[in-house]
Amino acid sequence: MASSSMASPSSRLYFCSRNYSTASRRLPRSRVFFLPRISLSENQQQSPEPEEAPNPIPRREIVLRSSELAVVGAIFNLSGKKPEYLGVQKNPPSLALCPATKNCISTSESITDLTHYAPPWNYNGGRGRKQPISREEAKKELLDVIKSTKPGKFTPQIVEDRDDYVRVEYQSPILGLVDDVEFWFPPGKNPIVEYRSASRVGNFDFDYNRKRIKALREELEKKGWASEDSF
């Protein structure tokens, strides 16, 4: 009979519910198989966490470290001892030559010594100098520039001031290293200034002496000074 061969609505519902229950019983096996893939996909979609920036050193700690280095410099006397040969030499009259170390420059050196030689200054040789000035006026200009300029953050201290000679001690801001810088106005009518800049300790100065002299010269050039040669 046709009515008996066709499934009733209730049997269809039973069949669908039976299939659903069978699939639900099989779900744990499928879940064990597919869950790792889902977790991998989720991990790939996650953006990497940003790296934390390093904490900056507190300002107070920087000051404390600088103070500690200054104490170390004082304990080990890194300032060095003033050389006995500084000043104007007698035979011939000039500033002292440099030692073999690479931490000194002097106008007394030979022009062929590229490591130690530096050209003298002419305080009436600049283009900005309309009227020539006297040695006394030039010395005042030099002292003003020394007091107002701190090349490399070294602190200048004028320790000798005579008619024709000036010696300045430049001290580094942390370790207290001292460099001796001399200026000499030779006798005669030529408006020339000789100089010498040298570190007391070490073998190298990382060009601090040359940079110091250059910084001073650039300030003096604004007043009408000039270098006798390229530097």
C-alpha atoms as a PDB file:
ATOM      1  CA  MET A   1       0.000   0.000   0.000  1.00  0.00           C
ATOM      2  CA  ALA A   2       1.091   3.461  -0.799  1.00  0.00           C
ATOM      3  CA  SER A   3       0.251   4.709   2.611  1.00  0.00           C
ATOM      4  CA  SER A   4       2.359   2.029   4.273  1.00  0.00           C
ATOM      5  CA  SER A   5       5.396   2.591   1.983  1.00  0.00           C
ATOM      6  CA  MET A   6       5.624   6.297   2.747  1.00  0.00           C
ATOM      7  CA  ALA A   7       7.196   7.308   6.022  1.00  0.00           C
ATOM      8  CA  SER A   8       5.048   9.175   8.393  1.00  0.00           C
ATOM      9  CA  PRO A   9       5.999  12.626   9.668  1.00  0.00           C
ATOM     10  CA  SER A  10       6.668  11.205  13.069  1.00  0.00           C
ATOM     11  CA  SER A  11       9.089   8.640  11.682  1.00  0.00           C
ATOM     12  CA  ARG A  12      10.941  11.427   9.793  1.00  0.00           C
ATOM     13  CA  LEU A  13      11.317  13.358  12.940  1.00  0.00           C
ATOM     14  CA  TYR A  14      12.560  10.298  14.721  1.00  0.00           C
ATOM     15  CA  PHE A  15      15.008   9.591  11.917  1.00  0.00           C
ATOM     16  CA  CYS A  16      16.397  13.158  11.943  1.00  0.00           C
ATOM     17  CA  SER A  17      16.653  13.217  15.674  1.00  0.00           C
ATOM     18  CA  ARG A  18      18.401   9.882  15.635  1.00  0.00           C
ATOM     19  CA  ASN A  19      20.945  11.131  13.096  1.00  0.00           C
ATOM     20  CA  TYR A  20      21.503  14.285  15.145  1.00  0.00           C
ATOM     21  CA  SER A  21      22.002  12.278  18.302  1.00  0.00           C
ATOM     22  CA  THR A  22      24.442  10.008  16.491  1.00  0.00           C
ATOM     23  CA  ALA A  23      26.393  13.031  15.214  1.00  0.00           C
ATOM     24  CA  SER A  24      26.396  14.507  18.679  1.00  0.00           C
ATOM     25  CA  ARG A  25      27.833  11.278  20.058  1.00  0.00           C
ATOM     26  CA  ARG A  26      30.549  11.389  17.440  1.00  0.00           C
ATOM     27  CA  LEU A  27      31.306  15.072  18.093  1.00  0.00           C
ATOM     28  CA  PRO A  28      33.850  14.476  20.850  1.00  0.00           C
ATOM     29  CA  ARG A  29      36.061  12.524  18.429  1.00  0.00           C
ATOM     30  CA  SER A  30      35.750  15.269  15.833  1.00  0.00           C
ATOM     31  CA  ARG A  31      36.419  17.897  18.466  1.00  0.00           C
ATOM     32  CA  VAL A  32      39.662  16.211  19.470  1.00  0.00           C
ATOM     33  CA  PHE A  33      40.746  16.185  15.861  1.00  0.00           C
ATOM     34  CA  PHE A  34      39.743  19.721  14.832  1.00  0.00           C
ATOM     35  CA  LEU A  35      40.365  21.794  17.962  1.00  0.00           C
ATOM     36  CA  PRO A  36      44.152  21.966  17.511  1.00  0.00           C
ATOM     37  CA  ARG A  37      43.624  23.389  14.034  1.00  0.00           C
ATOM     38  CA  ILE A  38      41.269  26.025  15.385  1.00  0.00           C
ATOM     39  CA  SER A  39      43.713  27.008  18.094  1.00  0.00           C
ATOM     40  CA  LEU A  40      46.548  27.276  15.561  1.00  0.00           C
ATOM     41  CA  SER A  41      44.442  29.545  13.382  1.00  0.00           C
ATOM     42  CA  GLU A  42      43.628  31.711  16.366  1.00  0.00           C
ATOM     43  CA  ASN A  43      47.322  31.950  17.333  1.00  0.00           C
ATOM     44  CA  GLN A  44      48.247  33.019  13.834  1.00  0.00           C
ATOM     45  CA  GLN A  45      45.664  35.792  13.899  1.00  0.00           C
ATOM     46  CA  GLN A  46      46.876  37.201  17.214  1.00  0.00           C
ATOM     47  CA  SER A  47      49.110  40.267  16.821  1.00  0.00           C
ATOM     48  CA  PRO A  48      52.494  40.135  18.599  1.00  0.00           C
ATOM     49  CA  GLU A  49      52.691  42.025  21.838  1.00  0.00           C
ATOM     50  CA  PRO A  50      54.706  45.277  21.579  1.00  0.00           C
ATOM     51  CA  GLU A  51      58.126  45.207  23.196  1.00  0.00           C
ATOM     52  CA  GLU A  52      58.432  47.254  26.323  1.00  0.00           C
ATOM     53  CA  ALA A  53      60.695  50.296  25.994  1.00  0.00           C
ATOM     54  CA  PRO A  54      63.661  50.301  28.361  1.00  0.00           C
ATOM     55  CA  ASN A  55      63.128  52.410  31.415  1.00  0.00           C
ATOM     56  CA  PRO A  56      65.049  55.703  31.194  1.00  0.00           C
ATOM     57  CA  ILE A  57      67.651  56.348  33.849  1.00  0.00           C
ATOM     58  CA  PRO A  58      66.211  58.699  36.447  1.00  0.00           C
ATOM     59  CA  ARG A  59      67.719  62.164  36.513  1.00  0.00           C
ATOM     60  CA  ARG A  60      68.722  61.808  40.168  1.00  0.00           C
ATOM     61  CA  GLU A  61      70.602  58.584  39.377  1.00  0.00           C
ATOM     62  CA  ILE A  62      72.502  60.334  36.582  1.00  0.00           C
ATOM     63  CA  VAL A  63      73.567  63.034  39.021  1.00  0.00           C
ATOM     64  CA  LEU A  64      74.640  60.416  41.556  1.00  0.00           C
ATOM     65  CA  ARG A  65      76.681  58.529  38.954  1.00  0.00           C
ATOM     66  CA  SER A  66      78.385  61.746  37.865  1.00  0.00           C
ATOM     67  CA  SER A  67      79.197  62.516  41.492  1.00  0.00           C
ATOM     68  CA  GLU A  68      80.652  59.045  41.955  1.00  0.00           C
ATOM     69  CA  LEU A  69      82.893  59.500  38.903  1.00  0.00           C
ATOM     70  CA  ALA A  70      84.029  62.860  40.226  1.00  0.00           C
ATOM     71  CA  VAL A  71      84.954  61.225  43.549  1.00  0.00           C
ATOM     72  CA  VAL A  72      86.896  58.527  41.687  1.00  0.00           C
ATOM     73  CA  GLY A  73      88.747  61.227  39.777  1.00  0.00           C
ATOM     74  CA  ALA A  74      89.649  62.994  43.020  1.00  0.00           C
ATOM     75  CA  ILE A  75      90.811  59.777  44.734  1.00  0.00           C
ATOM     76  CA  PHE A  76      93.097  58.748  41.889  1.00  0.00           C
ATOM     77  CA  ASN A  77      94.197  62.353  41.212  1.00  0.00           C
ATOM     78  CA  LEU A  78      93.169  62.286  37.554  1.00  0.00           C
ATOM     79  CA  SER A  79      93.711  66.038  37.355  1.00  0.00           C
ATOM     80  CA  GLY A  80      97.453  65.358  37.159  1.00  0.00           C
ATOM     81  CA  LYS A  81     100.309  67.548  38.242  1.00  0.00           C
ATOM     82  CA  LYS A  82     101.225  70.801  36.555  1.00  0.00           C
ATOM     83  CA  PRO A  83     104.309  70.278  34.353  1.00  0.00           C
ATOM     84  CA  GLU A  84     107.330  72.199  35.558  1.00  0.00           C
ATOM     85  CA  TYR A  85     108.396  73.251  32.074  1.00  0.00           C
ATOM     86  CA  LEU A  86     105.325  75.432  31.373  1.00  0.00           C
ATOM     87  CA  GLY A  87     105.862  79.090  30.622  1.00  0.00           C
ATOM     88  CA  VAL A  88     107.997  81.010  28.159  1.00  0.00           C
ATOM     89  CA  GLN A  89     111.223  79.180  27.374  1.00  0.00           C
ATOM     90  CA  LYS A  90     114.517  81.086  27.265  1.00  0.00           C
ATOM     91  CA  ASN A  91     116.577  79.721  24.412  1.00  0.00           C
ATOM     92  CA  PRO A  92     115.005  80.619  22.103  1.00  0.00           C
ATOM     93  CA  PRO A  93     112.037  82.535  23.616  1.00  0.00           C
ATOM     94  CA  SER A  94     108.976  80.433  22.833  1.00  0.00           C
ATOM     95  CA  LEU A  95     106.406  78.186  24.431  1.00  0.00           C
ATOM     96  CA  ALA A  96     107.362  74.601  25.208  1.00  0.00           C
ATOM     97  CA  LEU A  97     107.314  71.861  22.619  1.00  0.00           C
ATOM     98  CA  CYS A  98     104.876  68.964  22.917  1.00  0.00           C
ATOM     99  CA  PRO A  99     105.733  65.514  24.273  1.00  0.00           C
ATOM    100  CA  ALA A 100     105.492  62.507  21.986  1.00  0.00           C
ATOM    101  CA  THR A 101     101.908  61.826  23.102  1.00  0.00           C
ATOM    102  CA  LYS A 102      98.985  62.775  20.877  1.00  0.00           C
ATOM    103  CA  ASN A 103      97.290  65.094  23.337  1.00  0.00           C
ATOM    104  CA  CYS A 104      99.068  68.387  22.742  1.00  0.00           C
ATOM    105  CA  ILE A 105      99.328  71.129  20.127  1.00  0.00           C
ATOM    106  CA  SER A 106     101.722  74.101  20.064  1.00  0.00           C
ATOM    107  CA  THR A 107     102.676  76.940  17.758  1.00  0.00           C
ATOM    108  CA  SER A 108     106.314  76.206  18.635  1.00  0.00           C
ATOM    109  CA  GLU A 109     106.265  72.918  16.759  1.00  0.00           C
ATOM    110  CA  SER A 110     107.523  72.490  13.218  1.00  0.00           C
ATOM    111  CA  ILE A 111     104.936  73.057  10.522  1.00  0.00           C
ATOM    112  CA  THR A 112     105.752  69.589   9.200  1.00  0.00           C
ATOM    113  CA  ASP A 113     104.529  67.994  12.457  1.00  0.00           C
ATOM    114  CA  LEU A 114     100.876  67.524  11.562  1.00  0.00           C
ATOM    115  CA  THR A 115     100.115  65.939  14.923  1.00  0.00           C
ATOM    116  CA  HIS A 116     101.329  68.750  17.169  1.00  0.00           C
ATOM    117  CA  TYR A 117     101.674  71.903  15.071  1.00  0.00           C
ATOM    118  CA  ALA A 118      99.102  74.722  15.172  1.00  0.00           C
ATOM    119  CA  PRO A 119      99.457  78.157  13.517  1.00  0.00           C
ATOM    120  CA  PRO A 120      99.662  81.351  15.628  1.00  0.00           C
ATOM    121  CA  TRP A 121      96.988  84.059  15.682  1.00  0.00           C
ATOM    122  CA  ASN A 122      97.058  87.623  14.391  1.00  0.00           C
ATOM    123  CA  TYR A 123      94.825  89.920  16.409  1.00  0.00           C
ATOM    124  CA  ASN A 124      94.851  92.595  13.679  1.00  0.00           C
ATOM    125  CA  GLY A 125      94.626  90.247  10.713  1.00  0.00           C
ATOM    126  CA  GLY A 126      90.868  89.728  10.475  1.00  0.00           C
ATOM    127  CA  ARG A 127      88.616  91.329   7.891  1.00  0.00           C
ATOM    128  CA  GLY A 128      86.370  92.696  10.596  1.00  0.00           C
ATOM    129  CA  ARG A 129      89.182  94.747  12.163  1.00  0.00           C
ATOM    130  CA  LYS A 130      88.750  98.302  10.888  1.00  0.00           C
ATOM    131  CA  GLN A 131      91.362  99.883  13.139  1.00  0.00           C
ATOM    132  CA  PRO A 132      94.401  98.051  14.579  1.00  0.00           C
ATOM    133  CA  ILE A 133      94.387  97.592  18.327  1.00  0.00           C
ATOM    134  CA  SER A 134      97.171  97.499  20.881  1.00  0.00           C
ATOM    135  CA  ARG A 135      98.511  94.435  22.643  1.00  0.00           C
ATOM    136  CA  GLU A 136      96.721  95.432  25.833  1.00  0.00           C
ATOM    137  CA  GLU A 137      93.392  95.661  24.023  1.00  0.00           C
ATOM    138  CA  ALA A 138      94.015  92.341  22.299  1.00  0.00           C
ATOM    139  CA  LYS A 139      94.783  90.680  25.598  1.00  0.00           C
ATOM    140  CA  LYS A 140      91.530  91.985  27.070  1.00  0.00           C
ATOM    141  CA  GLU A 141      89.599  90.546  24.119  1.00  0.00           C
ATOM    142  CA  LEU A 142      91.356  87.222  24.634  1.00  0.00           C
ATOM    143  CA  LEU A 143      90.520  87.119  28.346  1.00  0.00           C
ATOM    144  CA  ASP A 144      86.873  87.966  27.639  1.00  0.00           C
ATOM    145  CA  VAL A 145      86.582  85.090  25.172  1.00  0.00           C
ATOM    146  CA  ILE A 146      88.306  82.659  27.572  1.00  0.00           C
ATOM    147  CA  LYS A 147      85.855  83.532  30.345  1.00  0.00           C
ATOM    148  CA  SER A 148      82.755  83.313  28.163  1.00  0.00           C
ATOM    149  CA  THR A 149      83.601  80.153  26.183  1.00  0.00           C
ATOM    150  CA  LYS A 150      83.559  76.575  27.517  1.00  0.00           C
ATOM    151  CA  PRO A 151      84.693  74.280  24.699  1.00  0.00           C
ATOM    152  CA  GLY A 152      83.723  70.676  25.407  1.00  0.00           C
ATOM    153  CA  LYS A 153      82.029  71.890  28.625  1.00  0.00           C
ATOM    154  CA  PHE A 154      85.466  72.236  30.247  1.00  0.00           C
ATOM    155  CA  THR A 155      85.528  74.930  32.920  1.00  0.00           C
ATOM    156  CA  PRO A 156      88.292  77.548  32.403  1.00  0.00           C
ATOM    157  CA  GLN A 157      90.266  78.997  35.305  1.00  0.00           C
ATOM    158  CA  ILE A 158      92.837  81.706  34.653  1.00  0.00           C
ATOM    159  CA  VAL A 159      95.723  80.866  36.991  1.00  0.00           C
ATOM    160  CA  GLU A 160      98.439  83.144  35.556  1.00  0.00           C
ATOM    161  CA  ASP A 161      97.980  86.586  34.038  1.00  0.00           C
ATOM    162  CA  ARG A 162     101.082  88.629  33.210  1.00  0.00           C
ATOM    163  CA  ASP A 163     101.730  91.394  30.705  1.00  0.00           C
ATOM    164  CA  ASP A 164     102.654  89.066  27.854  1.00  0.00           C
ATOM    165  CA  TYR A 165     101.532  85.657  29.149  1.00  0.00           C
ATOM    166  CA  VAL A 166      98.284  83.915  30.190  1.00  0.00           C
ATOM    167  CA  ARG A 167      97.857  80.383  31.477  1.00  0.00           C
ATOM    168  CA  VAL A 168      94.445  78.740  31.825  1.00  0.00           C
ATOM    169  CA  GLU A 169      93.512  75.426  33.406  1.00  0.00           C
ATOM    170  CA  TYR A 170      90.560  73.726  31.730  1.00  0.00           C
ATOM    171  CA  GLN A 171      88.875  71.091  33.894  1.00  0.00           C
ATOM    172  CA  SER A 172      86.572  68.373  32.543  1.00  0.00           C
ATOM    173  CA  PRO A 173      83.019  68.288  33.965  1.00  0.00           C
ATOM    174  CA  ILE A 174      83.049  64.738  35.409  1.00  0.00           C
ATOM    175  CA  LEU A 175      86.465  63.219  36.063  1.00  0.00           C
ATOM    176  CA  GLY A 176      88.195  66.515  36.764  1.00  0.00           C
ATOM    177  CA  LEU A 177      90.844  66.040  34.060  1.00  0.00           C
ATOM    178  CA  VAL A 178      92.938  69.188  33.604  1.00  0.00           C
ATOM    179  CA  ASP A 179      94.398  70.627  30.410  1.00  0.00           C
ATOM    180  CA  ASP A 180      96.944  73.474  30.475  1.00  0.00           C
ATOM    181  CA  VAL A 181      96.483  76.180  27.848  1.00  0.00           C
ATOM    182  CA  GLU A 182      99.047  78.975  27.443  1.00  0.00           C
ATOM    183  CA  PHE A 183      98.956  82.195  25.436  1.00  0.00           C
ATOM    184  CA  TRP A 184     102.012  84.335  24.786  1.00  0.00           C
ATOM    185  CA  PHE A 185     102.394  87.748  23.150  1.00  0.00           C
ATOM    186  CA  PRO A 186     105.964  87.734  21.764  1.00  0.00           C
ATOM    187  CA  PRO A 187     107.972  90.977  21.920  1.00  0.00           C
ATOM    188  CA  GLY A 188     108.032  93.155  18.814  1.00  0.00           C
ATOM    189  CA  LYS A 189     105.580  95.011  16.660  1.00  0.00           C
ATOM    190  CA  ASN A 190     103.941  91.999  15.031  1.00  0.00           C
ATOM    191  CA  PRO A 191     100.396  91.467  16.374  1.00  0.00           C
ATOM    192  CA  ILE A 192     101.018  87.744  16.943  1.00  0.00           C
ATOM    193  CA  VAL A 193      99.800  85.434  19.709  1.00  0.00           C
ATOM    194  CA  GLU A 194     101.458  82.067  20.287  1.00  0.00           C
ATOM    195  CA  TYR A 195      99.653  79.317  22.202  1.00  0.00           C
ATOM    196  CA  ARG A 196      99.992  75.807  23.527  1.00  0.00           C
ATOM    197  CA  SER A 197      97.236  73.424  24.671  1.00  0.00           C
ATOM    198  CA  ALA A 198      98.054  70.075  26.308  1.00  0.00           C
ATOM    199  CA  SER A 199      96.464  67.428  28.506  1.00  0.00           C
ATOM    200  CA  ARG A 200      98.257  66.465  31.712  1.00  0.00           C
ATOM    201  CA  VAL A 201      97.414  62.750  31.641  1.00  0.00           C
ATOM    202  CA  GLY A 202      96.846  60.110  28.975  1.00  0.00           C
ATOM    203  CA  ASN A 203      98.216  59.547  25.490  1.00  0.00           C
ATOM    204  CA  PHE A 204      95.183  60.623  23.434  1.00  0.00           C
ATOM    205  CA  ASP A 205      92.774  63.526  23.829  1.00  0.00           C
ATOM    206  CA  PHE A 206      90.192  62.720  21.098  1.00  0.00           C
ATOM    207  CA  ASP A 207      91.101  66.120  19.549  1.00  0.00           C
ATOM    208  CA  TYR A 208      89.824  68.048  22.575  1.00  0.00           C
ATOM    209  CA  ASN A 209      92.802  70.415  22.468  1.00  0.00           C
ATOM    210  CA  ARG A 210      92.382  71.193  18.780  1.00  0.00           C
ATOM    211  CA  LYS A 211      88.628  71.636  19.164  1.00  0.00           C
ATOM    212  CA  ARG A 212      89.185  73.971  22.124  1.00  0.00           C
ATOM    213  CA  ILE A 213      91.639  76.165  20.216  1.00  0.00           C
ATOM    214  CA  LYS A 214      89.330  76.199  17.206  1.00  0.00           C
ATOM    215  CA  ALA A 215      86.348  77.248  19.341  1.00  0.00           C
ATOM    216  CA  LEU A 216      88.354  80.090  20.893  1.00  0.00           C
ATOM    217  CA  ARG A 217      89.662  81.208  17.515  1.00  0.00           C
ATOM    218  CA  GLU A 218      86.173  81.289  15.997  1.00  0.00           C
ATOM    219  CA  GLU A 219      84.996  83.583  18.790  1.00  0.00           C
ATOM    220  CA  LEU A 220      88.042  85.804  18.380  1.00  0.00           C
ATOM    221  CA  GLU A 221      87.487  86.010  14.633  1.00  0.00           C
ATOM    222  CA  LYS A 222      84.214  87.794  15.377  1.00  0.00           C
ATOM    223  CA  LYS A 223      86.313  90.516  17.011  1.00  0.00           C
ATOM    224  CA  GLY A 224      88.765  90.848  14.136  1.00  0.00           C
ATOM    225  CA  TRP A 225      91.346  88.129  14.838  1.00  0.00           C
ATOM    226  CA  ALA A 226      92.641  85.670  12.251  1.00  0.00           C
ATOM    227  CA  SER A 227      94.803  82.581  12.003  1.00  0.00           C
ATOM    228  CA  GLU A 228      98.210  82.961  10.362  1.00  0.00           C
ATOM    229  CA  ASP A 229      97.644  79.721   8.467  1.00  0.00           C
ATOM    230  CA  SER A 230      94.937  77.152   7.782  1.00  0.00           C
ATOM    231  CA  PHE A 231      94.077  74.967  10.769  1.00  0.00           C
END
